[in-house]
Amino acid sequence: MQIALFDLDHTLIPFDSGAVFTRFLAEHGALPASFEPQYLDYCRQYAAGQVDMVEMHRFTVGALAVHAPARLQAWLRDFAARIPALLPPASRALVREHQAAGHLCALVTATTRFVAEPFGHALGLAEVLATEPAYDALGHCTGEIVGEPCFREHKRSHVQAWLARRGVGWPGVARSWFYSDSANDMPLLLAVSDPVAVNPDPVLLAHAQSAGWPVRRIGG
């Protein structure tokens, strides 16, 4: 078996999916005007490698708890319809390249599942490993996370669990690729046979150049 894994934000898309979703919700009056600046502050913490992903998830997803599940699902359908126009053609081509080679492909992202899945589907990636949001008995988002966030070292454990569900362990993977922009993803980048830095942050770029990893640019 050969697998190809793809990060989402600033890798397959040249922007932050959560920020775009936040703006979309703000347009529909679902979030207060003060929400986006606070969200962007969390994004800066992420880029600096200092974010508490559990705290960030409680803030971002917990804010949606006031909305009825049916209303949130309707917004998500509207949001998903906008996504194909936002995707760089090079990203879809990269995914197709691996699929044509017979590789098992998956999106592996820290983004919460209900935002990540529409991007995965638009990119042709049926397999989506993401941070799993918790819901209350009535189906409202609570802001909590089921299990560990799909972030840093837990990305590797999410991939391992995904492979295990298919009856495969890392020794059973003949070759593996992971495409990412962020030094936060170093644990999974170091675990695969073929790490690829895409639009890398300064820390990842320095490591990639030192280690001789390929560096790619995917633009808008």
N, C-alpha and C. Protein backbone atom coordinates (compact mmCIF):
# COMPACT_ATOMS: atom_id res chain seq x y z
N MET A 1 0.84 -1.20 0.00
CA MET A 1 0.00 0.00 0.00
C MET A 1 0.87 1.25 0.00
N GLN A 2 0.45 2.24 -0.77
CA GLN A 2 1.08 3.55 -0.77
C GLN A 2 0.01 4.59 -0.46
N ILE A 3 0.36 5.57 0.36
CA ILE A 3 -0.61 6.57 0.79
C ILE A 3 -0.09 7.97 0.54
N ALA A 4 -1.03 8.88 0.29
CA ALA A 4 -0.69 10.30 0.12
C ALA A 4 -1.60 11.10 1.04
N LEU A 5 -1.00 11.89 1.91
CA LEU A 5 -1.72 12.67 2.92
C LEU A 5 -1.52 14.15 2.65
N PHE A 6 -2.57 14.91 2.85
CA PHE A 6 -2.53 16.33 2.51
C PHE A 6 -3.08 17.18 3.66
N ASP A 7 -2.30 18.16 4.10
CA ASP A 7 -2.81 19.19 4.99
C ASP A 7 -3.73 20.09 4.17
N LEU A 8 -4.56 20.88 4.83
CA LEU A 8 -5.51 21.74 4.12
C LEU A 8 -5.07 23.19 4.06
N ASP A 9 -5.13 23.91 5.19
CA ASP A 9 -4.91 25.35 5.20
C ASP A 9 -3.49 25.71 4.79
N HIS A 10 -3.39 26.62 3.81
CA HIS A 10 -2.11 27.12 3.29
C HIS A 10 -1.28 26.02 2.61
N THR A 11 -1.90 24.88 2.37
CA THR A 11 -1.24 23.80 1.64
C THR A 11 -2.04 23.54 0.36
N LEU A 12 -3.16 22.85 0.46
CA LEU A 12 -4.02 22.66 -0.71
C LEU A 12 -4.84 23.91 -1.03
N ILE A 13 -5.04 24.75 -0.02
CA ILE A 13 -5.70 26.05 -0.25
C ILE A 13 -4.79 27.14 0.28
N PRO A 14 -4.70 28.28 -0.42
CA PRO A 14 -3.77 29.34 -0.01
C PRO A 14 -4.37 30.30 1.01
N PHE A 15 -5.18 29.78 1.92
CA PHE A 15 -5.83 30.60 2.94
C PHE A 15 -6.25 29.68 4.08
N ASP A 16 -6.79 30.29 5.13
CA ASP A 16 -7.25 29.54 6.29
C ASP A 16 -8.74 29.25 6.13
N SER A 17 -9.11 27.98 6.11
CA SER A 17 -10.51 27.60 5.89
C SER A 17 -11.41 28.16 6.98
N GLY A 18 -10.93 28.15 8.22
CA GLY A 18 -11.73 28.66 9.32
C GLY A 18 -12.01 30.15 9.19
N ALA A 19 -11.02 30.90 8.70
CA ALA A 19 -11.21 32.33 8.52
C ALA A 19 -12.27 32.61 7.46
N VAL A 20 -12.24 31.84 6.37
CA VAL A 20 -13.23 32.02 5.31
C VAL A 20 -14.62 31.65 5.82
N PHE A 21 -14.70 30.57 6.59
CA PHE A 21 -15.99 30.16 7.15
C PHE A 21 -16.49 31.20 8.16
N THR A 22 -15.59 31.75 8.94
CA THR A 22 -15.96 32.78 9.90
C THR A 22 -16.56 33.99 9.20
N ARG A 23 -15.91 34.42 8.10
CA ARG A 23 -16.45 35.57 7.36
C ARG A 23 -17.82 35.24 6.76
N PHE A 24 -17.96 34.03 6.27
CA PHE A 24 -19.23 33.60 5.71
C PHE A 24 -20.33 33.66 6.78
N LEU A 25 -20.05 33.16 7.97
CA LEU A 25 -21.04 33.19 9.04
C LEU A 25 -21.35 34.63 9.48
N ALA A 26 -20.31 35.46 9.50
CA ALA A 26 -20.53 36.86 9.88
C ALA A 26 -21.46 37.55 8.88
N GLU A 27 -21.30 37.22 7.60
CA GLU A 27 -22.17 37.78 6.55
C GLU A 27 -23.64 37.42 6.81
N HIS A 28 -23.85 36.25 7.41
CA HIS A 28 -25.20 35.78 7.68
C HIS A 28 -25.68 36.14 9.09
N GLY A 29 -24.90 36.96 9.80
CA GLY A 29 -25.29 37.40 11.12
C GLY A 29 -25.19 36.33 12.19
N ALA A 30 -24.42 35.28 11.90
CA ALA A 30 -24.32 34.17 12.85
C ALA A 30 -23.26 34.39 13.91
N LEU A 31 -22.38 35.36 13.69
CA LEU A 31 -21.30 35.64 14.63
C LEU A 31 -21.22 37.15 14.85
N PRO A 32 -20.79 37.59 16.03
CA PRO A 32 -20.65 39.03 16.27
C PRO A 32 -19.43 39.59 15.53
N ALA A 33 -19.42 40.89 15.34
CA ALA A 33 -18.32 41.54 14.61
C ALA A 33 -16.99 41.35 15.31
N SER A 34 -17.01 41.15 16.62
CA SER A 34 -15.77 41.00 17.37
C SER A 34 -15.13 39.62 17.22
N PHE A 35 -15.86 38.69 16.59
CA PHE A 35 -15.39 37.31 16.54
C PHE A 35 -14.15 37.16 15.67
N GLU A 36 -14.17 37.74 14.46
CA GLU A 36 -13.07 37.51 13.52
C GLU A 36 -11.72 37.98 14.06
N PRO A 37 -11.60 39.19 14.66
CA PRO A 37 -10.29 39.59 15.21
C PRO A 37 -9.77 38.61 16.26
N GLN A 38 -10.66 38.09 17.08
CA GLN A 38 -10.23 37.11 18.09
C GLN A 38 -9.80 35.81 17.43
N TYR A 39 -10.54 35.40 16.40
CA TYR A 39 -10.16 34.19 15.69
C TYR A 39 -8.78 34.36 15.03
N LEU A 40 -8.55 35.50 14.41
CA LEU A 40 -7.27 35.74 13.75
C LEU A 40 -6.12 35.76 14.74
N ASP A 41 -6.40 36.19 15.97
CA ASP A 41 -5.36 36.13 17.00
C ASP A 41 -4.98 34.68 17.29
N TYR A 42 -5.96 33.78 17.33
CA TYR A 42 -5.65 32.35 17.48
C TYR A 42 -4.82 31.85 16.30
N CYS A 43 -5.14 32.33 15.10
CA CYS A 43 -4.37 31.93 13.91
C CYS A 43 -2.92 32.36 14.03
N ARG A 44 -2.69 33.55 14.56
CA ARG A 44 -1.31 34.02 14.76
C ARG A 44 -0.59 33.14 15.79
N GLN A 45 -1.30 32.74 16.84
CA GLN A 45 -0.70 31.84 17.81
C GLN A 45 -0.36 30.50 17.17
N TYR A 46 -1.23 30.04 16.29
CA TYR A 46 -0.97 28.78 15.57
C TYR A 46 0.31 28.89 14.74
N ALA A 47 0.40 29.98 13.99
CA ALA A 47 1.57 30.17 13.12
C ALA A 47 2.86 30.25 13.94
N ALA A 48 2.75 30.76 15.16
CA ALA A 48 3.92 30.88 16.03
C ALA A 48 4.20 29.59 16.81
N GLY A 49 3.35 28.57 16.61
CA GLY A 49 3.54 27.31 17.32
C GLY A 49 3.17 27.39 18.79
N GLN A 50 2.29 28.32 19.14
CA GLN A 50 1.97 28.54 20.56
C GLN A 50 0.50 28.34 20.89
N VAL A 51 -0.30 27.88 19.95
CA VAL A 51 -1.74 27.82 20.17
C VAL A 51 -2.12 26.62 21.03
N ASP A 52 -3.13 26.82 21.87
CA ASP A 52 -3.79 25.73 22.59
C ASP A 52 -4.99 25.34 21.73
N MET A 53 -4.88 24.21 21.02
CA MET A 53 -5.91 23.85 20.06
C MET A 53 -7.25 23.56 20.73
N VAL A 54 -7.23 23.02 21.94
CA VAL A 54 -8.48 22.76 22.64
C VAL A 54 -9.18 24.07 22.98
N GLU A 55 -8.42 25.05 23.45
CA GLU A 55 -8.99 26.36 23.77
C GLU A 55 -9.51 27.03 22.51
N MET A 56 -8.75 26.95 21.41
CA MET A 56 -9.18 27.55 20.15
C MET A 56 -10.48 26.92 19.66
N HIS A 57 -10.58 25.61 19.77
CA HIS A 57 -11.78 24.90 19.32
C HIS A 57 -12.98 25.31 20.18
N ARG A 58 -12.79 25.43 21.49
CA ARG A 58 -13.89 25.85 22.36
C ARG A 58 -14.39 27.24 21.96
N PHE A 59 -13.47 28.12 21.61
CA PHE A 59 -13.86 29.48 21.22
C PHE A 59 -14.58 29.47 19.88
N THR A 60 -13.98 28.83 18.87
CA THR A 60 -14.52 28.92 17.52
C THR A 60 -15.80 28.10 17.34
N VAL A 61 -15.76 26.85 17.74
CA VAL A 61 -16.91 25.97 17.53
C VAL A 61 -17.97 26.19 18.62
N GLY A 62 -17.52 26.48 19.83
CA GLY A 62 -18.47 26.74 20.91
C GLY A 62 -19.38 27.92 20.62
N ALA A 63 -18.89 28.87 19.83
CA ALA A 63 -19.70 30.05 19.49
C ALA A 63 -20.93 29.67 18.67
N LEU A 64 -20.92 28.50 18.06
CA LEU A 64 -22.04 28.08 17.21
C LEU A 64 -23.11 27.33 17.99
N ALA A 65 -22.88 27.12 19.28
CA ALA A 65 -23.82 26.34 20.09
C ALA A 65 -25.21 26.99 20.18
N VAL A 66 -25.27 28.30 19.98
CA VAL A 66 -26.55 29.00 20.11
C VAL A 66 -27.46 28.76 18.91
N HIS A 67 -26.91 28.21 17.83
CA HIS A 67 -27.69 28.03 16.61
C HIS A 67 -28.27 26.63 16.52
N ALA A 68 -29.49 26.54 16.06
CA ALA A 68 -30.14 25.24 15.89
C ALA A 68 -29.33 24.40 14.90
N PRO A 69 -29.20 23.10 15.15
CA PRO A 69 -28.44 22.24 14.23
C PRO A 69 -28.91 22.34 12.79
N ALA A 70 -30.21 22.43 12.56
CA ALA A 70 -30.72 22.52 11.19
C ALA A 70 -30.27 23.81 10.52
N ARG A 71 -30.22 24.90 11.28
CA ARG A 71 -29.77 26.18 10.74
C ARG A 71 -28.29 26.11 10.37
N LEU A 72 -27.48 25.49 11.25
CA LEU A 72 -26.06 25.34 10.97
C LEU A 72 -25.85 24.47 9.74
N GLN A 73 -26.60 23.40 9.61
CA GLN A 73 -26.45 22.53 8.44
C GLN A 73 -26.81 23.27 7.15
N ALA A 74 -27.82 24.13 7.21
CA ALA A 74 -28.18 24.91 6.03
C ALA A 74 -27.05 25.86 5.63
N TRP A 75 -26.45 26.51 6.63
CA TRP A 75 -25.31 27.38 6.34
C TRP A 75 -24.16 26.59 5.74
N LEU A 76 -23.92 25.40 6.28
CA LEU A 76 -22.81 24.58 5.77
C LEU A 76 -23.06 24.17 4.33
N ARG A 77 -24.29 23.89 3.96
CA ARG A 77 -24.59 23.55 2.56
C ARG A 77 -24.33 24.75 1.65
N ASP A 78 -24.72 25.93 2.11
CA ASP A 78 -24.47 27.14 1.32
C ASP A 78 -22.97 27.40 1.20
N PHE A 79 -22.26 27.19 2.30
CA PHE A 79 -20.81 27.40 2.29
C PHE A 79 -20.13 26.41 1.34
N ALA A 80 -20.54 25.15 1.38
CA ALA A 80 -19.93 24.13 0.53
C ALA A 80 -20.08 24.47 -0.94
N ALA A 81 -21.18 25.11 -1.31
CA ALA A 81 -21.40 25.47 -2.71
C ALA A 81 -20.40 26.51 -3.20
N ARG A 82 -19.83 27.28 -2.27
CA ARG A 82 -18.86 28.31 -2.65
C ARG A 82 -17.43 27.76 -2.80
N ILE A 83 -17.18 26.61 -2.23
CA ILE A 83 -15.80 26.13 -2.11
C ILE A 83 -15.12 25.84 -3.45
N PRO A 84 -15.77 25.15 -4.41
CA PRO A 84 -15.03 24.82 -5.64
C PRO A 84 -14.38 26.01 -6.32
N ALA A 85 -15.03 27.16 -6.28
CA ALA A 85 -14.46 28.35 -6.92
C ALA A 85 -13.23 28.87 -6.21
N LEU A 86 -13.00 28.43 -4.97
CA LEU A 86 -11.87 28.92 -4.18
C LEU A 86 -10.62 28.06 -4.33
N LEU A 87 -10.73 26.91 -4.99
CA LEU A 87 -9.63 25.95 -5.01
C LEU A 87 -8.65 26.22 -6.16
N PRO A 88 -7.35 26.23 -5.86
CA PRO A 88 -6.36 26.34 -6.93
C PRO A 88 -6.39 25.09 -7.81
N PRO A 89 -6.39 25.24 -9.14
CA PRO A 89 -6.37 24.06 -10.01
C PRO A 89 -5.19 23.13 -9.71
N ALA A 90 -4.06 23.69 -9.29
CA ALA A 90 -2.89 22.86 -9.00
C ALA A 90 -3.14 21.89 -7.84
N SER A 91 -3.99 22.28 -6.91
CA SER A 91 -4.28 21.41 -5.77
C SER A 91 -5.06 20.18 -6.23
N ARG A 92 -6.09 20.41 -7.01
CA ARG A 92 -6.88 19.29 -7.51
C ARG A 92 -6.02 18.40 -8.39
N ALA A 93 -5.12 19.00 -9.18
CA ALA A 93 -4.24 18.21 -10.05
C ALA A 93 -3.29 17.34 -9.24
N LEU A 94 -2.80 17.87 -8.12
CA LEU A 94 -1.90 17.11 -7.26
C LEU A 94 -2.62 15.90 -6.67
N VAL A 95 -3.84 16.11 -6.21
CA VAL A 95 -4.62 15.01 -5.66
C VAL A 95 -4.87 13.96 -6.75
N ARG A 96 -5.26 14.41 -7.93
CA ARG A 96 -5.54 13.47 -9.02
C ARG A 96 -4.29 12.67 -9.40
N GLU A 97 -3.15 13.31 -9.34
CA GLU A 97 -1.89 12.63 -9.67
C GLU A 97 -1.67 11.42 -8.78
N HIS A 98 -1.91 11.60 -7.49
CA HIS A 98 -1.73 10.48 -6.56
C HIS A 98 -2.84 9.44 -6.73
N GLN A 99 -4.05 9.90 -6.95
CA GLN A 99 -5.14 8.96 -7.14
C GLN A 99 -4.93 8.12 -8.39
N ALA A 100 -4.44 8.76 -9.46
CA ALA A 100 -4.19 8.03 -10.71
C ALA A 100 -3.11 6.97 -10.54
N ALA A 101 -2.19 7.22 -9.60
CA ALA A 101 -1.13 6.25 -9.32
C ALA A 101 -1.59 5.12 -8.40
N GLY A 102 -2.86 5.19 -7.98
CA GLY A 102 -3.40 4.13 -7.12
C GLY A 102 -3.10 4.32 -5.65
N HIS A 103 -2.67 5.51 -5.25
CA HIS A 103 -2.36 5.75 -3.84
C HIS A 103 -3.65 6.01 -3.05
N LEU A 104 -3.70 5.53 -1.83
CA LEU A 104 -4.79 5.82 -0.92
C LEU A 104 -4.58 7.23 -0.38
N CYS A 105 -5.54 8.11 -0.60
CA CYS A 105 -5.35 9.53 -0.29
C CYS A 105 -6.28 9.99 0.83
N ALA A 106 -5.80 10.93 1.63
CA ALA A 106 -6.61 11.47 2.72
C ALA A 106 -6.21 12.90 3.02
N LEU A 107 -7.21 13.69 3.38
CA LEU A 107 -6.97 15.02 3.94
C LEU A 107 -6.74 14.85 5.43
N VAL A 108 -5.69 15.47 5.96
CA VAL A 108 -5.36 15.35 7.38
C VAL A 108 -5.18 16.77 7.92
N THR A 109 -6.16 17.24 8.67
CA THR A 109 -6.19 18.65 9.05
C THR A 109 -6.66 18.85 10.48
N ALA A 110 -6.16 19.91 11.11
CA ALA A 110 -6.61 20.28 12.45
C ALA A 110 -7.97 20.95 12.43
N THR A 111 -8.43 21.34 11.27
CA THR A 111 -9.73 21.99 11.12
C THR A 111 -10.84 21.07 11.61
N THR A 112 -11.88 21.65 12.20
CA THR A 112 -12.99 20.83 12.67
C THR A 112 -13.68 20.16 11.49
N ARG A 113 -14.22 18.98 11.72
CA ARG A 113 -14.71 18.14 10.63
C ARG A 113 -15.75 18.82 9.75
N PHE A 114 -16.71 19.53 10.35
CA PHE A 114 -17.79 20.03 9.51
C PHE A 114 -17.35 21.15 8.57
N VAL A 115 -16.18 21.75 8.82
CA VAL A 115 -15.60 22.69 7.87
C VAL A 115 -14.67 21.97 6.90
N ALA A 116 -13.92 21.00 7.40
CA ALA A 116 -12.94 20.30 6.56
C ALA A 116 -13.58 19.42 5.50
N GLU A 117 -14.67 18.74 5.84
CA GLU A 117 -15.25 17.77 4.91
C GLU A 117 -15.68 18.39 3.58
N PRO A 118 -16.34 19.55 3.57
CA PRO A 118 -16.70 20.14 2.28
C PRO A 118 -15.49 20.45 1.40
N PHE A 119 -14.38 20.86 2.02
CA PHE A 119 -13.17 21.08 1.25
C PHE A 119 -12.64 19.76 0.71
N GLY A 120 -12.64 18.71 1.55
CA GLY A 120 -12.19 17.42 1.09
C GLY A 120 -12.99 16.92 -0.09
N HIS A 121 -14.30 17.04 -0.02
CA HIS A 121 -15.15 16.57 -1.12
C HIS A 121 -14.88 17.37 -2.39
N ALA A 122 -14.72 18.70 -2.25
CA ALA A 122 -14.47 19.53 -3.42
C ALA A 122 -13.12 19.20 -4.07
N LEU A 123 -12.19 18.73 -3.26
CA LEU A 123 -10.86 18.36 -3.76
C LEU A 123 -10.82 16.91 -4.27
N GLY A 124 -11.92 16.19 -4.10
CA GLY A 124 -11.96 14.80 -4.52
C GLY A 124 -11.41 13.83 -3.50
N LEU A 125 -11.33 14.27 -2.24
CA LEU A 125 -10.78 13.45 -1.16
C LEU A 125 -11.92 12.96 -0.27
N ALA A 126 -12.28 11.71 -0.44
CA ALA A 126 -13.37 11.14 0.36
C ALA A 126 -12.94 10.87 1.79
N GLU A 127 -11.65 10.61 1.98
CA GLU A 127 -11.13 10.32 3.31
C GLU A 127 -10.66 11.62 3.97
N VAL A 128 -11.29 11.97 5.08
CA VAL A 128 -10.97 13.22 5.79
C VAL A 128 -10.70 12.90 7.25
N LEU A 129 -9.47 13.16 7.69
CA LEU A 129 -9.10 13.03 9.09
C LEU A 129 -9.04 14.45 9.64
N ALA A 130 -9.86 14.73 10.64
CA ALA A 130 -10.01 16.09 11.13
C ALA A 130 -10.27 16.07 12.63
N THR A 131 -10.29 17.25 13.22
CA THR A 131 -10.67 17.37 14.62
C THR A 131 -12.17 17.12 14.75
N GLU A 132 -12.53 16.24 15.67
CA GLU A 132 -13.92 15.80 15.77
C GLU A 132 -14.67 16.63 16.82
N PRO A 133 -15.66 17.41 16.41
CA PRO A 133 -16.41 18.22 17.37
C PRO A 133 -17.42 17.38 18.15
N ALA A 134 -17.63 17.74 19.40
CA ALA A 134 -18.63 17.06 20.24
C ALA A 134 -19.97 17.78 20.12
N TYR A 135 -21.04 17.02 20.26
CA TYR A 135 -22.40 17.55 20.19
C TYR A 135 -23.17 17.14 21.43
N ASP A 136 -24.13 17.97 21.83
CA ASP A 136 -24.97 17.60 22.96
C ASP A 136 -26.10 16.69 22.47
N ALA A 137 -27.00 16.33 23.38
CA ALA A 137 -28.05 15.38 23.05
C ALA A 137 -29.02 15.91 21.99
N LEU A 138 -29.08 17.22 21.81
CA LEU A 138 -29.97 17.82 20.83
C LEU A 138 -29.26 18.15 19.52
N GLY A 139 -27.96 17.81 19.45
CA GLY A 139 -27.22 18.03 18.21
C GLY A 139 -26.53 19.37 18.11
N HIS A 140 -26.49 20.14 19.19
CA HIS A 140 -25.78 21.42 19.18
C HIS A 140 -24.28 21.18 19.40
N CYS A 141 -23.45 21.97 18.75
CA CYS A 141 -22.01 21.95 19.00
C CYS A 141 -21.75 22.39 20.44
N THR A 142 -20.85 21.72 21.11
CA THR A 142 -20.51 22.13 22.48
C THR A 142 -19.20 22.90 22.54
N GLY A 143 -18.38 22.77 21.52
CA GLY A 143 -17.04 23.37 21.54
C GLY A 143 -15.98 22.41 22.01
N GLU A 144 -16.40 21.30 22.62
CA GLU A 144 -15.43 20.29 23.06
C GLU A 144 -15.01 19.41 21.89
N ILE A 145 -13.97 18.63 22.12
CA ILE A 145 -13.39 17.77 21.09
C ILE A 145 -13.56 16.32 21.51
N VAL A 146 -13.93 15.47 20.57
CA VAL A 146 -13.98 14.03 20.82
C VAL A 146 -12.58 13.47 20.58
N GLY A 147 -11.98 12.87 21.59
CA GLY A 147 -10.61 12.37 21.46
C GLY A 147 -9.61 13.51 21.43
N GLU A 148 -8.54 13.32 20.69
CA GLU A 148 -7.49 14.35 20.58
C GLU A 148 -7.68 15.16 19.31
N PRO A 149 -7.32 16.46 19.34
CA PRO A 149 -7.39 17.25 18.11
C PRO A 149 -6.42 16.68 17.07
N CYS A 150 -6.77 16.80 15.82
CA CYS A 150 -5.92 16.29 14.73
C CYS A 150 -4.83 17.33 14.48
N PHE A 151 -3.86 17.38 15.37
CA PHE A 151 -2.92 18.50 15.44
C PHE A 151 -1.60 18.01 16.02
N ARG A 152 -0.49 18.53 15.45
CA ARG A 152 0.85 18.16 15.90
C ARG A 152 1.00 16.64 15.97
N GLU A 153 1.48 16.13 17.11
CA GLU A 153 1.75 14.68 17.20
C GLU A 153 0.48 13.84 17.04
N HIS A 154 -0.68 14.45 17.30
CA HIS A 154 -1.92 13.69 17.19
C HIS A 154 -2.32 13.47 15.73
N LYS A 155 -1.76 14.25 14.80
CA LYS A 155 -2.03 13.95 13.39
C LYS A 155 -1.50 12.55 13.06
N ARG A 156 -0.33 12.25 13.56
CA ARG A 156 0.23 10.92 13.30
C ARG A 156 -0.66 9.84 13.91
N SER A 157 -1.14 10.06 15.14
CA SER A 157 -1.98 9.04 15.77
C SER A 157 -3.32 8.90 15.06
N HIS A 158 -3.85 10.00 14.52
CA HIS A 158 -5.08 9.91 13.72
C HIS A 158 -4.84 9.08 12.47
N VAL A 159 -3.70 9.27 11.83
CA VAL A 159 -3.38 8.49 10.63
C VAL A 159 -3.19 7.02 11.00
N GLN A 160 -2.50 6.76 12.09
CA GLN A 160 -2.31 5.38 12.53
C GLN A 160 -3.65 4.69 12.81
N ALA A 161 -4.57 5.40 13.47
CA ALA A 161 -5.89 4.83 13.75
C ALA A 161 -6.66 4.58 12.46
N TRP A 162 -6.54 5.49 11.52
CA TRP A 162 -7.19 5.34 10.21
C TRP A 162 -6.67 4.10 9.48
N LEU A 163 -5.35 3.94 9.50
CA LEU A 163 -4.76 2.76 8.87
C LEU A 163 -5.19 1.48 9.60
N ALA A 164 -5.22 1.56 10.92
CA ALA A 164 -5.60 0.37 11.70
C ALA A 164 -7.03 -0.07 11.37
N ARG A 165 -7.91 0.90 11.11
CA ARG A 165 -9.29 0.54 10.75
C ARG A 165 -9.32 -0.21 9.42
N ARG A 166 -8.28 -0.04 8.63
CA ARG A 166 -8.16 -0.76 7.37
C ARG A 166 -7.30 -2.02 7.50
N GLY A 167 -6.91 -2.30 8.74
CA GLY A 167 -6.11 -3.49 8.98
C GLY A 167 -4.66 -3.35 8.56
N VAL A 168 -4.17 -2.11 8.56
CA VAL A 168 -2.80 -1.83 8.11
C VAL A 168 -2.07 -1.04 9.19
N GLY A 169 -0.80 -1.31 9.41
CA GLY A 169 0.06 -0.51 10.27
C GLY A 169 1.11 0.19 9.43
N TRP A 170 1.88 1.09 10.07
CA TRP A 170 2.94 1.77 9.32
C TRP A 170 3.86 0.80 8.59
N PRO A 171 4.25 -0.34 9.19
CA PRO A 171 5.12 -1.27 8.45
C PRO A 171 4.49 -1.80 7.16
N GLY A 172 3.15 -1.76 7.10
CA GLY A 172 2.48 -2.24 5.90
C GLY A 172 2.36 -1.21 4.81
N VAL A 173 2.84 0.02 5.06
CA VAL A 173 2.79 1.09 4.05
C VAL A 173 4.13 1.14 3.35
N ALA A 174 4.13 0.81 2.07
CA ALA A 174 5.39 0.73 1.32
C ALA A 174 6.00 2.12 1.10
N ARG A 175 5.13 3.11 0.84
CA ARG A 175 5.62 4.47 0.60
C ARG A 175 4.52 5.43 1.02
N SER A 176 4.92 6.58 1.55
CA SER A 176 3.93 7.53 2.06
C SER A 176 4.39 8.95 1.81
N TRP A 177 3.45 9.80 1.40
CA TRP A 177 3.71 11.21 1.18
C TRP A 177 2.87 12.03 2.16
N PHE A 178 3.39 13.15 2.61
CA PHE A 178 2.60 14.11 3.36
C PHE A 178 2.99 15.50 2.91
N TYR A 179 2.00 16.28 2.51
CA TYR A 179 2.19 17.64 2.03
C TYR A 179 1.69 18.61 3.09
N SER A 180 2.55 19.52 3.54
CA SER A 180 2.16 20.46 4.58
C SER A 180 2.95 21.76 4.48
N ASP A 181 2.35 22.81 5.03
CA ASP A 181 2.99 24.12 5.06
C ASP A 181 3.61 24.45 6.40
N SER A 182 3.29 23.66 7.45
CA SER A 182 3.52 24.12 8.82
C SER A 182 4.49 23.27 9.61
N ALA A 183 5.34 23.94 10.38
CA ALA A 183 6.23 23.22 11.30
C ALA A 183 5.45 22.50 12.39
N ASN A 184 4.19 22.90 12.61
CA ASN A 184 3.35 22.16 13.56
C ASN A 184 3.15 20.72 13.13
N ASP A 185 3.31 20.46 11.84
CA ASP A 185 3.09 19.12 11.30
C ASP A 185 4.36 18.28 11.24
N MET A 186 5.41 18.73 11.89
CA MET A 186 6.67 18.00 11.83
C MET A 186 6.56 16.54 12.26
N PRO A 187 5.79 16.20 13.31
CA PRO A 187 5.72 14.78 13.69
C PRO A 187 5.26 13.87 12.56
N LEU A 188 4.27 14.31 11.79
CA LEU A 188 3.80 13.47 10.68
C LEU A 188 4.74 13.58 9.48
N LEU A 189 5.30 14.74 9.24
CA LEU A 189 6.27 14.88 8.15
C LEU A 189 7.46 13.95 8.36
N LEU A 190 7.90 13.81 9.60
CA LEU A 190 9.04 12.95 9.90
C LEU A 190 8.67 11.47 9.86
N ALA A 191 7.37 11.17 9.92
CA ALA A 191 6.93 9.78 9.95
C ALA A 191 6.79 9.17 8.56
N VAL A 192 6.59 10.01 7.53
CA VAL A 192 6.36 9.48 6.19
C VAL A 192 7.68 9.31 5.45
N SER A 193 7.63 8.55 4.37
CA SER A 193 8.86 8.33 3.58
C SER A 193 9.17 9.52 2.68
N ASP A 194 8.11 10.27 2.29
CA ASP A 194 8.29 11.37 1.33
C ASP A 194 7.61 12.64 1.84
N PRO A 195 8.25 13.37 2.75
CA PRO A 195 7.66 14.64 3.20
C PRO A 195 7.86 15.72 2.14
N VAL A 196 6.83 16.54 1.96
CA VAL A 196 6.90 17.63 0.98
C VAL A 196 6.42 18.91 1.65
N ALA A 197 7.25 19.94 1.63
CA ALA A 197 6.88 21.24 2.18
C ALA A 197 6.19 22.05 1.09
N VAL A 198 4.98 22.51 1.38
CA VAL A 198 4.20 23.29 0.42
C VAL A 198 3.93 24.66 1.03
N ASN A 199 4.33 25.71 0.31
CA ASN A 199 4.17 27.06 0.84
C ASN A 199 4.64 27.14 2.30
N PRO A 200 5.84 26.64 2.59
CA PRO A 200 6.22 26.42 4.00
C PRO A 200 6.43 27.71 4.80
N ASP A 201 6.12 27.61 6.10
CA ASP A 201 6.46 28.70 7.01
C ASP A 201 7.98 28.72 7.18
N PRO A 202 8.54 29.78 7.75
CA PRO A 202 10.01 29.89 7.81
C PRO A 202 10.70 28.72 8.52
N VAL A 203 10.11 28.23 9.59
CA VAL A 203 10.73 27.12 10.32
C VAL A 203 10.73 25.86 9.48
N LEU A 204 9.61 25.56 8.85
CA LEU A 204 9.55 24.36 8.00
C LEU A 204 10.45 24.52 6.78
N LEU A 205 10.48 25.70 6.20
CA LEU A 205 11.34 25.91 5.03
C LEU A 205 12.80 25.65 5.37
N ALA A 206 13.25 26.17 6.50
CA ALA A 206 14.65 25.95 6.90
C ALA A 206 14.93 24.47 7.09
N HIS A 207 14.01 23.75 7.73
CA HIS A 207 14.22 22.32 7.94
C HIS A 207 14.20 21.58 6.62
N ALA A 208 13.26 21.91 5.74
CA ALA A 208 13.16 21.23 4.45
C ALA A 208 14.43 21.42 3.63
N GLN A 209 14.95 22.63 3.63
CA GLN A 209 16.18 22.89 2.87
C GLN A 209 17.36 22.13 3.46
N SER A 210 17.42 22.07 4.78
CA SER A 210 18.51 21.35 5.44
C SER A 210 18.41 19.85 5.19
N ALA A 211 17.18 19.32 5.20
CA ALA A 211 16.98 17.88 5.05
C ALA A 211 16.89 17.43 3.59
N GLY A 212 16.83 18.41 2.68
CA GLY A 212 16.72 18.06 1.27
C GLY A 212 15.32 17.65 0.85
N TRP A 213 14.30 18.09 1.61
CA TRP A 213 12.93 17.78 1.23
C TRP A 213 12.49 18.65 0.05
N PRO A 214 11.63 18.13 -0.81
CA PRO A 214 11.07 18.98 -1.88
C PRO A 214 10.26 20.13 -1.30
N VAL A 215 10.32 21.26 -1.97
CA VAL A 215 9.54 22.43 -1.59
C VAL A 215 8.70 22.83 -2.79
N ARG A 216 7.39 22.91 -2.58
CA ARG A 216 6.48 23.26 -3.67
C ARG A 216 5.69 24.51 -3.32
N ARG A 217 5.24 25.19 -4.35
CA ARG A 217 4.39 26.36 -4.16
C ARG A 217 3.07 26.12 -4.86
N ILE A 218 1.99 26.29 -4.13
CA ILE A 218 0.65 26.21 -4.72
C ILE A 218 -0.03 27.52 -4.41
N GLY A 219 -0.37 28.25 -5.44
CA GLY A 219 -0.94 29.58 -5.25
C GLY A 219 -2.43 29.60 -5.50
N GLY A 220 -2.99 30.81 -5.41
CA GLY A 220 -4.41 30.95 -5.64
C GLY A 220 -4.73 31.09 -7.10
